[in-house]
């Protein structure tokens, strides 16, 4: 059975990017972790937005493999999907 890991907080101390309601990683029976985090940034603030290939804010063995940007008035929501394995190379390495 998969083990969830909850990760609340901010994105690498970046004040321009905030993690919304934490996030979650799930480990499968092969040791692969997958999960997602929702971030928010000020509308148009591309520089502070995490991108594909960026490290997970709390589990540096995971990297973002997919990013979805949802536009709203005054702020944008970014959903980052992450993948990785502890003690090994990530698929992006």
PDB file of N, CA and C in Angstrom:
ATOM      1  N   UNK A   1       0.836  -1.183   0.000  1.00  0.00           N
ATOM      2  CA  UNK A   1       0.000   0.000   0.000  1.00  0.00           C
ATOM      3  C   UNK A   1       0.877   1.241   0.000  1.00  0.00           C
ATOM      4  N   UNK A   2       0.460   2.277  -0.718  1.00  0.00           N
ATOM      5  CA  UNK A   2       1.229   3.511  -0.839  1.00  0.00           C
ATOM      6  C   UNK A   2       1.245   4.276   0.477  1.00  0.00           C
ATOM      7  N   UNK A   3       2.370   4.969   0.713  1.00  0.00           N
ATOM      8  CA  UNK A   3       2.533   5.768   1.926  1.00  0.00           C
ATOM      9  C   UNK A   3       2.480   7.243   1.575  1.00  0.00           C
ATOM     10  N   UNK A   4       1.476   8.017   2.032  1.00  0.00           N
ATOM     11  CA  UNK A   4       1.433   9.447   1.719  1.00  0.00           C
ATOM     12  C   UNK A   4       2.385  10.244   2.596  1.00  0.00           C
ATOM     13  N   UNK A   5       2.968  11.302   2.029  1.00  0.00           N
ATOM     14  CA  UNK A   5       3.815  12.237   2.760  1.00  0.00           C
ATOM     15  C   UNK A   5       3.250  13.627   2.511  1.00  0.00           C
ATOM     16  N   UNK A   6       2.827  14.322   3.553  1.00  0.00           N
ATOM     17  CA  UNK A   6       2.267  15.661   3.406  1.00  0.00           C
ATOM     18  C   UNK A   6       3.368  16.698   3.575  1.00  0.00           C
ATOM     19  N   UNK A   7       3.408  17.702   2.691  1.00  0.00           N
ATOM     20  CA  UNK A   7       4.480  18.690   2.707  1.00  0.00           C
ATOM     21  C   UNK A   7       3.934  20.119   2.669  1.00  0.00           C
ATOM     22  N   UNK A   8       3.663  20.730   3.834  1.00  0.00           N
ATOM     23  CA  UNK A   8       3.205  22.123   3.866  1.00  0.00           C
ATOM     24  C   UNK A   8       4.377  23.101   3.770  1.00  0.00           C
ATOM     25  N   UNK A   9       4.146  24.359   3.493  1.00  0.00           N
ATOM     26  CA  UNK A   9       5.205  25.362   3.557  1.00  0.00           C
ATOM     27  C   UNK A   9       5.261  26.307   2.388  1.00  0.00           C
ATOM     28  N   UNK A  10       6.453  26.894   2.158  1.00  0.00           N
ATOM     29  CA  UNK A  10       6.677  27.840   1.070  1.00  0.00           C
ATOM     30  C   UNK A  10       7.682  27.259   0.090  1.00  0.00           C
ATOM     31  N   UNK A  11       7.772  27.854  -1.085  1.00  0.00           N
ATOM     32  CA  UNK A  11       8.640  27.345  -2.138  1.00  0.00           C
ATOM     33  C   UNK A  11      10.040  27.922  -2.019  1.00  0.00           C
ATOM     34  N   UNK A  12      10.980  27.185  -1.433  1.00  0.00           N
ATOM     35  CA  UNK A  12      12.376  27.575  -1.282  1.00  0.00           C
ATOM     36  C   UNK A  12      12.542  28.997  -0.736  1.00  0.00           C
ATOM     37  N   UNK A  13      11.623  29.435   0.143  1.00  0.00           N
ATOM     38  CA  UNK A  13      11.708  30.761   0.732  1.00  0.00           C
ATOM     39  C   UNK A  13      11.402  31.889  -0.237  1.00  0.00           C
ATOM     40  N   UNK A  14      10.926  31.562  -1.421  1.00  0.00           N
ATOM     41  CA  UNK A  14      10.618  32.553  -2.447  1.00  0.00           C
ATOM     42  C   UNK A  14       9.329  33.281  -2.074  1.00  0.00           C
ATOM     43  N   UNK A  15       9.426  34.561  -1.726  1.00  0.00           N
ATOM     44  CA  UNK A  15       8.239  35.305  -1.301  1.00  0.00           C
ATOM     45  C   UNK A  15       7.275  35.577  -2.444  1.00  0.00           C
ATOM     46  N   UNK A  16       7.712  35.410  -3.692  1.00  0.00           N
ATOM     47  CA  UNK A  16       6.839  35.624  -4.841  1.00  0.00           C
ATOM     48  C   UNK A  16       6.021  34.409  -5.214  1.00  0.00           C
ATOM     49  N   UNK A  17       6.280  33.287  -4.560  1.00  0.00           N
ATOM     50  CA  UNK A  17       5.589  32.039  -4.874  1.00  0.00           C
ATOM     51  C   UNK A  17       5.190  31.359  -3.573  1.00  0.00           C
ATOM     52  N   UNK A  18       3.920  31.084  -3.424  1.00  0.00           N
ATOM     53  CA  UNK A  18       3.407  30.490  -2.191  1.00  0.00           C
ATOM     54  C   UNK A  18       2.807  29.117  -2.487  1.00  0.00           C
ATOM     55  N   UNK A  19       3.059  28.173  -1.596  1.00  0.00           N
ATOM     56  CA  UNK A  19       2.432  26.859  -1.712  1.00  0.00           C
ATOM     57  C   UNK A  19       1.045  26.944  -1.105  1.00  0.00           C
ATOM     58  N   UNK A  20       0.048  26.530  -1.855  1.00  0.00           N
ATOM     59  CA  UNK A  20      -1.340  26.523  -1.397  1.00  0.00           C
ATOM     60  C   UNK A  20      -1.670  25.164  -0.782  1.00  0.00           C
ATOM     61  N   UNK A  21      -2.107  25.143   0.430  1.00  0.00           N
ATOM     62  CA  UNK A  21      -2.578  23.943   1.145  1.00  0.00           C
ATOM     63  C   UNK A  21      -1.631  22.754   1.056  1.00  0.00           C
ATOM     64  N   UNK A  22      -0.347  23.025   1.159  1.00  0.00           N
ATOM     65  CA  UNK A  22       0.633  21.943   1.176  1.00  0.00           C
ATOM     66  C   UNK A  22       0.655  21.161  -0.111  1.00  0.00           C
ATOM     67  N   UNK A  23       0.937  19.896  -0.008  1.00  0.00           N
ATOM     68  CA  UNK A  23       1.015  19.015  -1.164  1.00  0.00           C
ATOM     69  C   UNK A  23       1.081  17.592  -0.668  1.00  0.00           C
ATOM     70  N   UNK A  24       1.280  16.685  -1.589  1.00  0.00           N
ATOM     71  CA  UNK A  24       1.327  15.283  -1.188  1.00  0.00           C
ATOM     72  C   UNK A  24       2.191  14.497  -2.147  1.00  0.00           C
ATOM     73  N   UNK A  25       2.961  13.549  -1.608  1.00  0.00           N
ATOM     74  CA  UNK A  25       3.692  12.566  -2.396  1.00  0.00           C
ATOM     75  C   UNK A  25       3.201  11.192  -1.986  1.00  0.00           C
ATOM     76  N   UNK A  26       3.150  10.285  -2.953  1.00  0.00           N
ATOM     77  CA  UNK A  26       2.773   8.903  -2.673  1.00  0.00           C
ATOM     78  C   UNK A  26       3.881   7.992  -3.174  1.00  0.00           C
ATOM     79  N   UNK A  27       4.303   7.048  -2.344  1.00  0.00           N
ATOM     80  CA  UNK A  27       5.325   6.074  -2.720  1.00  0.00           C
ATOM     81  C   UNK A  27       4.659   4.773  -3.118  1.00  0.00           C
ATOM     82  N   UNK A  28       5.080   4.210  -4.261  1.00  0.00           N
ATOM     83  CA  UNK A  28       4.514   2.920  -4.676  1.00  0.00           C
ATOM     84  C   UNK A  28       5.420   1.777  -4.212  1.00  0.00           C
ATOM     85  N   UNK A  29       5.065   0.550  -4.560  1.00  0.00           N
ATOM     86  CA  UNK A  29       5.799  -0.626  -4.084  1.00  0.00           C
ATOM     87  C   UNK A  29       7.166  -0.801  -4.752  1.00  0.00           C
ATOM     88  N   UNK A  30       7.498   0.023  -5.733  1.00  0.00           N
ATOM     89  CA  UNK A  30       8.808  -0.006  -6.378  1.00  0.00           C
ATOM     90  C   UNK A  30       9.706   1.134  -5.888  1.00  0.00           C
ATOM     91  N   UNK A  31       9.195   1.957  -4.937  1.00  0.00           N
ATOM     92  CA  UNK A  31       9.970   3.075  -4.401  1.00  0.00           C
ATOM     93  C   UNK A  31       9.875   4.345  -5.227  1.00  0.00           C
ATOM     94  N   UNK A  32       8.953   4.384  -6.178  1.00  0.00           N
ATOM     95  CA  UNK A  32       8.750   5.586  -6.993  1.00  0.00           C
ATOM     96  C   UNK A  32       7.771   6.506  -6.275  1.00  0.00           C
ATOM     97  N   UNK A  33       8.135   7.779  -6.184  1.00  0.00           N
ATOM     98  CA  UNK A  33       7.268   8.789  -5.573  1.00  0.00           C
ATOM     99  C   UNK A  33       6.629   9.626  -6.670  1.00  0.00           C
ATOM    100  N   UNK A  34       5.330   9.891  -6.515  1.00  0.00           N
ATOM    101  CA  UNK A  34       4.612  10.799  -7.403  1.00  0.00           C
ATOM    102  C   UNK A  34       3.712  11.675  -6.544  1.00  0.00           C
ATOM    103  N   UNK A  35       3.426  12.860  -7.029  1.00  0.00           N
ATOM    104  CA  UNK A  35       2.535  13.733  -6.280  1.00  0.00           C
ATOM    105  C   UNK A  35       2.428  15.087  -6.925  1.00  0.00           C
ATOM    106  N   UNK A  36       1.734  15.973  -6.233  1.00  0.00           N
ATOM    107  CA  UNK A  36       1.543  17.310  -6.778  1.00  0.00           C
ATOM    108  C   UNK A  36       1.474  18.346  -5.663  1.00  0.00           C
ATOM    109  N   UNK A  37       1.731  19.581  -6.059  1.00  0.00           N
ATOM    110  CA  UNK A  37       1.620  20.741  -5.180  1.00  0.00           C
ATOM    111  C   UNK A  37       0.985  21.853  -5.997  1.00  0.00           C
ATOM    112  N   UNK A  38       0.120  22.646  -5.346  1.00  0.00           N
ATOM    113  CA  UNK A  38      -0.463  23.820  -5.992  1.00  0.00           C
ATOM    114  C   UNK A  38       0.214  25.059  -5.411  1.00  0.00           C
ATOM    115  N   UNK A  39       0.747  25.890  -6.296  1.00  0.00           N
ATOM    116  CA  UNK A  39       1.398  27.140  -5.933  1.00  0.00           C
ATOM    117  C   UNK A  39       0.522  28.300  -6.381  1.00  0.00           C
ATOM    118  N   UNK A  40       0.751  29.484  -5.830  1.00  0.00           N
ATOM    119  CA  UNK A  40       0.130  30.686  -6.372  1.00  0.00           C
ATOM    120  C   UNK A  40       1.200  31.764  -6.505  1.00  0.00           C
ATOM    121  N   UNK A  41       1.083  32.543  -7.579  1.00  0.00           N
ATOM    122  CA  UNK A  41       1.973  33.668  -7.825  1.00  0.00           C
ATOM    123  C   UNK A  41       1.120  34.847  -8.285  1.00  0.00           C
ATOM    124  N   UNK A  42       1.663  36.044  -8.145  1.00  0.00           N
ATOM    125  CA  UNK A  42       0.994  37.233  -8.651  1.00  0.00           C
ATOM    126  C   UNK A  42       0.855  37.087 -10.168  1.00  0.00           C
ATOM    127  N   UNK A  43      -0.273  37.510 -10.712  1.00  0.00           N
ATOM    128  CA  UNK A  43      -0.522  37.396 -12.152  1.00  0.00           C
ATOM    129  C   UNK A  43       0.635  37.991 -12.954  1.00  0.00           C
ATOM    130  N   UNK A  44       1.120  37.242 -13.916  1.00  0.00           N
ATOM    131  CA  UNK A  44       2.194  37.692 -14.788  1.00  0.00           C
ATOM    132  C   UNK A  44       3.588  37.508 -14.235  1.00  0.00           C
ATOM    133  N   UNK A  45       3.720  36.948 -13.046  1.00  0.00           N
ATOM    134  CA  UNK A  45       5.013  36.797 -12.382  1.00  0.00           C
ATOM    135  C   UNK A  45       5.702  35.494 -12.809  1.00  0.00           C
ATOM    136  N   UNK A  46       6.080  35.425 -14.072  1.00  0.00           N
ATOM    137  CA  UNK A  46       6.710  34.215 -14.611  1.00  0.00           C
ATOM    138  C   UNK A  46       8.031  33.900 -13.924  1.00  0.00           C
ATOM    139  N   UNK A  47       8.771  34.915 -13.514  1.00  0.00           N
ATOM    140  CA  UNK A  47      10.098  34.708 -12.924  1.00  0.00           C
ATOM    141  C   UNK A  47      10.055  33.912 -11.619  1.00  0.00           C
ATOM    142  N   UNK A  48       8.992  34.048 -10.837  1.00  0.00           N
ATOM    143  CA  UNK A  48       8.901  33.352  -9.550  1.00  0.00           C
ATOM    144  C   UNK A  48       8.188  32.000  -9.647  1.00  0.00           C
ATOM    145  N   UNK A  49       7.752  31.628 -10.826  1.00  0.00           N
ATOM    146  CA  UNK A  49       6.984  30.405 -11.012  1.00  0.00           C
ATOM    147  C   UNK A  49       7.901  29.190 -11.163  1.00  0.00           C
ATOM    148  N   UNK A  50       7.692  28.118 -10.382  1.00  0.00           N
ATOM    149  CA  UNK A  50       8.489  26.911 -10.585  1.00  0.00           C
ATOM    150  C   UNK A  50       8.155  26.286 -11.940  1.00  0.00           C
ATOM    151  N   UNK A  51       9.148  25.692 -12.574  1.00  0.00           N
ATOM    152  CA  UNK A  51       8.948  25.136 -13.909  1.00  0.00           C
ATOM    153  C   UNK A  51       9.248  23.654 -13.995  1.00  0.00           C
ATOM    154  N   UNK A  52       8.957  23.081 -15.146  1.00  0.00           N
ATOM    155  CA  UNK A  52       9.253  21.674 -15.407  1.00  0.00           C
ATOM    156  C   UNK A  52      10.748  21.455 -15.203  1.00  0.00           C
ATOM    157  N   UNK A  53      11.089  20.410 -14.466  1.00  0.00           N
ATOM    158  CA  UNK A  53      12.478  20.105 -14.148  1.00  0.00           C
ATOM    159  C   UNK A  53      12.949  20.682 -12.825  1.00  0.00           C
ATOM    160  N   UNK A  54      12.139  21.567 -12.199  1.00  0.00           N
ATOM    161  CA  UNK A  54      12.545  22.136 -10.911  1.00  0.00           C
ATOM    162  C   UNK A  54      12.356  21.111  -9.800  1.00  0.00           C
ATOM    163  N   UNK A  55      13.197  21.217  -8.784  1.00  0.00           N
ATOM    164  CA  UNK A  55      13.143  20.272  -7.664  1.00  0.00           C
ATOM    165  C   UNK A  55      11.911  20.500  -6.805  1.00  0.00           C
ATOM    166  N   UNK A  56      11.447  19.424  -6.205  1.00  0.00           N
ATOM    167  CA  UNK A  56      10.358  19.484  -5.232  1.00  0.00           C
ATOM    168  C   UNK A  56      10.845  20.311  -4.045  1.00  0.00           C
ATOM    169  N   UNK A  57       9.997  21.165  -3.460  1.00  0.00           N
ATOM    170  CA  UNK A  57      10.462  22.040  -2.386  1.00  0.00           C
ATOM    171  C   UNK A  57      10.937  21.331  -1.119  1.00  0.00           C
ATOM    172  N   UNK A  58      10.520  20.108  -0.865  1.00  0.00           N
ATOM    173  CA  UNK A  58      10.901  19.401   0.362  1.00  0.00           C
ATOM    174  C   UNK A  58      11.547  18.052   0.118  1.00  0.00           C
ATOM    175  N   UNK A  59      11.438  17.536  -1.077  1.00  0.00           N
ATOM    176  CA  UNK A  59      12.006  16.219  -1.404  1.00  0.00           C
ATOM    177  C   UNK A  59      12.842  16.389  -2.662  1.00  0.00           C
ATOM    178  N   UNK A  60      14.139  16.716  -2.487  1.00  0.00           N
ATOM    179  CA  UNK A  60      14.963  17.075  -3.635  1.00  0.00           C
ATOM    180  C   UNK A  60      15.244  15.934  -4.598  1.00  0.00           C
ATOM    181  N   UNK A  61      14.811  14.724  -4.269  1.00  0.00           N
ATOM    182  CA  UNK A  61      14.954  13.607  -5.192  1.00  0.00           C
ATOM    183  C   UNK A  61      13.809  13.559  -6.205  1.00  0.00           C
ATOM    184  N   UNK A  62      12.828  14.441  -6.052  1.00  0.00           N
ATOM    185  CA  UNK A  62      11.713  14.532  -7.002  1.00  0.00           C
ATOM    186  C   UNK A  62      11.829  15.816  -7.813  1.00  0.00           C
ATOM    187  N   UNK A  63      11.432  15.736  -9.074  1.00  0.00           N
ATOM    188  CA  UNK A  63      11.421  16.907  -9.949  1.00  0.00           C
ATOM    189  C   UNK A  63      10.057  17.060 -10.603  1.00  0.00           C
ATOM    190  N   UNK A  64       9.742  18.293 -10.994  1.00  0.00           N
ATOM    191  CA  UNK A  64       8.468  18.558 -11.658  1.00  0.00           C
ATOM    192  C   UNK A  64       8.511  17.979 -13.071  1.00  0.00           C
ATOM    193  N   UNK A  65       7.525  17.142 -13.386  1.00  0.00           N
ATOM    194  CA  UNK A  65       7.458  16.567 -14.728  1.00  0.00           C
ATOM    195  C   UNK A  65       6.367  17.205 -15.580  1.00  0.00           C
ATOM    196  N   UNK A  66       5.418  17.887 -14.939  1.00  0.00           N
ATOM    197  CA  UNK A  66       4.334  18.536 -15.673  1.00  0.00           C
ATOM    198  C   UNK A  66       3.854  19.732 -14.862  1.00  0.00           C
ATOM    199  N   UNK A  67       3.485  20.827 -15.573  1.00  0.00           N
ATOM    200  CA  UNK A  67       3.021  22.043 -14.903  1.00  0.00           C
ATOM    201  C   UNK A  67       1.750  22.533 -15.599  1.00  0.00           C
ATOM    202  N   UNK A  68       0.743  22.857 -14.787  1.00  0.00           N
ATOM    203  CA  UNK A  68      -0.496  23.438 -15.299  1.00  0.00           C
ATOM    204  C   UNK A  68      -0.658  24.806 -14.674  1.00  0.00           C
ATOM    205  N   UNK A  69      -0.946  25.819 -15.507  1.00  0.00           N
ATOM    206  CA  UNK A  69      -1.141  27.191 -15.031  1.00  0.00           C
ATOM    207  C   UNK A  69      -2.606  27.551 -15.218  1.00  0.00           C
ATOM    208  N   UNK A  70      -3.259  27.966 -14.121  1.00  0.00           N
ATOM    209  CA  UNK A  70      -4.652  28.402 -14.156  1.00  0.00           C
ATOM    210  C   UNK A  70      -4.681  29.896 -13.893  1.00  0.00           C
ATOM    211  N   UNK A  71      -5.227  30.654 -14.837  1.00  0.00           N
ATOM    212  CA  UNK A  71      -5.249  32.114 -14.745  1.00  0.00           C
ATOM    213  C   UNK A  71      -6.475  32.587 -13.985  1.00  0.00           C
ATOM    214  N   UNK A  72      -6.282  33.545 -13.087  1.00  0.00           N
ATOM    215  CA  UNK A  72      -7.371  34.169 -12.333  1.00  0.00           C
ATOM    216  C   UNK A  72      -7.032  35.647 -12.168  1.00  0.00           C
ATOM    217  N   UNK A  73      -8.002  36.439 -11.812  1.00  0.00           N
ATOM    218  CA  UNK A  73      -7.788  37.875 -11.619  1.00  0.00           C
ATOM    219  C   UNK A  73      -6.827  38.114 -10.455  1.00  0.00           C
ATOM    220  N   UNK A  74      -5.695  38.738 -10.730  1.00  0.00           N
ATOM    221  CA  UNK A  74      -4.751  39.105  -9.686  1.00  0.00           C
ATOM    222  C   UNK A  74      -3.731  38.044  -9.313  1.00  0.00           C
ATOM    223  N   UNK A  75      -3.985  36.773  -9.611  1.00  0.00           N
ATOM    224  CA  UNK A  75      -3.022  35.717  -9.274  1.00  0.00           C
ATOM    225  C   UNK A  75      -3.195  34.533 -10.224  1.00  0.00           C
ATOM    226  N   UNK A  76      -2.163  33.730 -10.305  1.00  0.00           N
ATOM    227  CA  UNK A  76      -2.203  32.505 -11.101  1.00  0.00           C
ATOM    228  C   UNK A  76      -1.948  31.325 -10.178  1.00  0.00           C
ATOM    229  N   UNK A  77      -2.628  30.224 -10.428  1.00  0.00           N
ATOM    230  CA  UNK A  77      -2.400  28.974  -9.700  1.00  0.00           C
ATOM    231  C   UNK A  77      -1.570  28.055 -10.592  1.00  0.00           C
ATOM    232  N   UNK A  78      -0.547  27.470 -10.014  1.00  0.00           N
ATOM    233  CA  UNK A  78       0.324  26.546 -10.734  1.00  0.00           C
ATOM    234  C   UNK A  78       0.233  25.195 -10.057  1.00  0.00           C
ATOM    235  N   UNK A  79      -0.157  24.181 -10.807  1.00  0.00           N
ATOM    236  CA  UNK A  79      -0.180  22.819 -10.285  1.00  0.00           C
ATOM    237  C   UNK A  79       1.039  22.100 -10.850  1.00  0.00           C
ATOM    238  N   UNK A  80       1.933  21.696  -9.968  1.00  0.00           N
ATOM    239  CA  UNK A  80       3.138  20.977 -10.374  1.00  0.00           C
ATOM    240  C   UNK A  80       3.006  19.511 -10.031  1.00  0.00           C
ATOM    241  N   UNK A  81       3.210  18.640 -11.015  1.00  0.00           N
ATOM    242  CA  UNK A  81       3.226  17.191 -10.803  1.00  0.00           C
ATOM    243  C   UNK A  81       4.674  16.734 -10.739  1.00  0.00           C
ATOM    244  N   UNK A  82       5.007  15.978  -9.686  1.00  0.00           N
ATOM    245  CA  UNK A  82       6.383  15.576  -9.406  1.00  0.00           C
ATOM    246  C   UNK A  82       6.560  14.070  -9.476  1.00  0.00           C
ATOM    247  N   UNK A  83       7.801  13.640  -9.771  1.00  0.00           N
ATOM    248  CA  UNK A  83       8.155  12.224  -9.797  1.00  0.00           C
ATOM    249  C   UNK A  83       9.618  12.083  -9.369  1.00  0.00           C
ATOM    250  N   UNK A  84       9.931  10.965  -8.724  1.00  0.00           N
ATOM    251  CA  UNK A  84      11.317  10.696  -8.345  1.00  0.00           C
ATOM    252  C   UNK A  84      11.421   9.439  -7.509  1.00  0.00           C
ATOM    253  N   UNK A  85      12.659   9.059  -7.194  1.00  0.00           N
ATOM    254  CA  UNK A  85      12.921   7.882  -6.368  1.00  0.00           C
ATOM    255  C   UNK A  85      14.050   8.217  -5.402  1.00  0.00           C
ATOM    256  N   UNK A  86      13.888   7.845  -4.148  1.00  0.00           N
ATOM    257  CA  UNK A  86      14.924   8.097  -3.137  1.00  0.00           C
ATOM    258  C   UNK A  86      16.144   7.248  -3.413  1.00  0.00           C
ATOM    259  N   UNK A  87      17.311   7.844  -3.215  1.00  0.00           N
ATOM    260  CA  UNK A  87      18.559   7.107  -3.340  1.00  0.00           C
ATOM    261  C   UNK A  87      18.964   6.815  -4.763  1.00  0.00           C
ATOM    262  N   UNK A  88      18.237   7.331  -5.720  1.00  0.00           N
ATOM    263  CA  UNK A  88      18.578   7.077  -7.124  1.00  0.00           C
ATOM    264  C   UNK A  88      18.477   8.337  -7.928  1.00  0.00           C
ATOM    265  N   UNK A  89      18.782   8.200  -9.176  1.00  0.00           N
ATOM    266  CA  UNK A  89      18.682   9.317 -10.097  1.00  0.00           C
ATOM    267  C   UNK A  89      17.233   9.536 -10.457  1.00  0.00           C
ATOM    268  N   UNK A  90      16.813  10.804 -10.558  1.00  0.00           N
ATOM    269  CA  UNK A  90      15.474  11.088 -11.030  1.00  0.00           C
ATOM    270  C   UNK A  90      15.439  10.842 -12.527  1.00  0.00           C
ATOM    271  N   UNK A  91      14.270  10.743 -13.090  1.00  0.00           N
ATOM    272  CA  UNK A  91      14.161  10.475 -14.529  1.00  0.00           C
ATOM    273  C   UNK A  91      14.685  11.651 -15.352  1.00  0.00           C
ATOM    274  N   UNK A  92      14.819  12.860 -14.752  1.00  0.00           N
ATOM    275  CA  UNK A  92      15.306  14.037 -15.473  1.00  0.00           C
ATOM    276  C   UNK A  92      16.823  14.191 -15.346  1.00  0.00           C
ATOM    277  N   UNK A  93      17.471  13.384 -14.542  1.00  0.00           N
ATOM    278  CA  UNK A  93      18.924  13.550 -14.336  1.00  0.00           C
ATOM    279  C   UNK A  93      19.716  13.024 -15.512  1.00  0.00           C
TER     280      UNK A  93
END
